[in-house]
């Protein structure tokens, strides 16, 4: 995943100017959707606006690191004392996690489509 370098979000993958910075606060950042696990709502290469300040709650879309060290973008689900990271694409499994660190809550998706001929 291009976001990861020595266990952290890679600065080169963070866009410098965020139109709509008010949604994500002064420490907000943006990263691109890395793969198709969150289709159909989040297309690959869409730009995610992430707010690192709030504590993630069940149902939030988050950037998270699992106990295996994987950095991922999924929907956080907490149910009956268990925690899951759920992709939207049904071709990928829901992952139960024991130890998860969230880097932020996704507040906006920006999709750019070029229609050049």
Protein backbone atom coordinates (compact mmCIF):
# COMPACT_ATOMS: atom_id res chain seq x y z
CA UNK A 1 0.00 0.00 0.00
CA UNK A 2 1.58 3.32 -0.97
CA UNK A 3 0.57 5.01 2.31
CA UNK A 4 2.88 2.94 4.46
CA UNK A 5 6.51 3.68 5.21
CA UNK A 6 8.08 2.37 8.39
CA UNK A 7 4.70 1.97 10.02
CA UNK A 8 3.26 5.41 9.42
CA UNK A 9 1.28 7.32 6.81
CA UNK A 10 3.65 8.45 4.05
CA UNK A 11 3.89 12.26 3.74
CA UNK A 12 4.25 12.03 -0.06
CA UNK A 13 0.76 10.53 -0.24
CA UNK A 14 -0.77 13.40 1.72
CA UNK A 15 -2.10 16.26 -0.35
CA UNK A 16 -0.97 19.71 0.80
CA UNK A 17 -4.15 21.69 0.19
CA UNK A 18 -7.57 20.36 1.05
CA UNK A 19 -10.56 22.20 -0.33
CA UNK A 20 -13.03 21.75 2.51
CA UNK A 21 -10.38 21.73 5.25
CA UNK A 22 -13.15 22.76 7.65
CA UNK A 23 -14.42 19.15 7.58
CA UNK A 24 -11.20 17.60 8.81
CA UNK A 25 -9.66 20.27 11.02
CA UNK A 26 -6.13 21.67 11.03
CA UNK A 27 -4.48 18.25 11.35
CA UNK A 28 -6.62 16.71 8.63
CA UNK A 29 -5.03 14.98 5.67
CA UNK A 30 -5.96 13.21 2.47
CA UNK A 31 -4.95 9.87 1.03
CA UNK A 32 -6.06 7.97 -2.03
CA UNK A 33 -8.24 4.86 -1.86
CA UNK A 34 -5.67 2.09 -2.38
CA UNK A 35 -7.74 -0.76 -3.79
CA UNK A 36 -11.22 -2.09 -4.60
CA UNK A 37 -12.15 -3.40 -1.14
CA UNK A 38 -14.53 -0.49 -0.51
CA UNK A 39 -16.40 -0.59 -3.83
CA UNK A 40 -18.98 0.45 -4.85
CA UNK A 41 -19.00 3.55 -2.60
CA UNK A 42 -15.26 4.31 -2.60
CA UNK A 43 -13.60 3.85 -6.00
CA UNK A 44 -9.91 3.11 -6.24
CA UNK A 45 -7.85 6.33 -6.43
CA UNK A 46 -10.66 8.41 -4.92
CA UNK A 47 -9.34 10.91 -2.39
CA UNK A 48 -10.30 10.39 1.24
CA UNK A 49 -10.41 13.39 3.59
CA UNK A 50 -9.39 12.12 7.02
CA UNK A 51 -9.83 13.78 10.41
CA UNK A 52 -7.32 12.36 12.92
CA UNK A 53 -8.95 14.06 15.94
CA UNK A 54 -12.20 12.23 16.73
CA UNK A 55 -12.36 8.87 18.46
CA UNK A 56 -13.73 6.41 15.94
CA UNK A 57 -17.08 4.83 16.77
CA UNK A 58 -18.84 1.83 15.32
CA UNK A 59 -20.02 2.58 11.79
CA UNK A 60 -17.25 5.07 10.99
CA UNK A 61 -15.04 4.66 7.94
CA UNK A 62 -11.48 4.65 9.25
CA UNK A 63 -7.82 4.36 8.38
CA UNK A 64 -6.61 1.70 10.77
CA UNK A 65 -3.62 -0.49 11.54
CA UNK A 66 -4.30 -4.06 12.62
CA UNK A 67 -2.31 -6.23 15.00
CA UNK A 68 -0.57 -7.76 11.96
CA UNK A 69 0.77 -4.31 11.01
CA UNK A 70 -1.48 -3.86 7.98
CA UNK A 71 -2.71 -0.34 7.30
CA UNK A 72 -6.19 -0.44 5.83
CA UNK A 73 -9.27 1.60 5.00
CA UNK A 74 -12.48 -0.09 6.16
CA UNK A 75 -15.71 0.41 8.11
CA UNK A 76 -15.23 -0.03 11.85
CA UNK A 77 -17.82 -2.26 13.51
CA UNK A 78 -17.99 -2.89 17.25
CA UNK A 79 -20.48 -5.52 18.35
CA UNK A 80 -20.76 -7.37 21.63
CA UNK A 81 -17.24 -6.50 22.76
CA UNK A 82 -15.72 -7.58 19.44
CA UNK A 83 -14.21 -5.30 16.80
CA UNK A 84 -14.38 -5.83 13.04
CA UNK A 85 -13.06 -4.06 9.95
CA UNK A 86 -15.64 -4.50 7.22
CA UNK A 87 -15.03 -3.93 3.52
CA UNK A 88 -18.03 -2.86 1.44
CA UNK A 89 -17.04 -5.07 -1.49
CA UNK A 90 -18.64 -8.49 -0.84
CA UNK A 91 -15.69 -10.24 -2.52
CA UNK A 92 -13.55 -9.52 0.56
CA UNK A 93 -14.01 -10.96 4.05
CA UNK A 94 -14.88 -9.08 7.22
CA UNK A 95 -11.82 -9.10 9.49
CA UNK A 96 -12.15 -9.51 13.25
CA UNK A 97 -9.38 -7.62 15.03
CA UNK A 98 -8.20 -7.69 18.61
CA UNK A 99 -5.78 -4.79 18.60
CA UNK A 100 -6.49 -1.97 16.15
CA UNK A 101 -5.12 1.58 16.00
CA UNK A 102 -7.13 4.16 14.10
CA UNK A 103 -5.36 7.02 12.33
CA UNK A 104 -8.52 8.94 11.61
CA UNK A 105 -12.14 9.02 10.54
CA UNK A 106 -12.99 9.56 6.88
CA UNK A 107 -15.14 12.68 6.47
CA UNK A 108 -15.30 13.12 2.69
CA UNK A 109 -14.59 11.33 -0.56
CA UNK A 110 -13.52 13.30 -3.62
CA UNK A 111 -13.61 11.57 -6.98
CA UNK A 112 -12.05 13.12 -10.05
CA UNK A 113 -13.13 11.76 -13.39
CA UNK A 114 -11.43 12.79 -16.58
CA UNK A 115 -13.47 12.58 -19.76
CA UNK A 116 -10.70 13.43 -22.20
CA UNK A 117 -11.05 12.16 -25.74
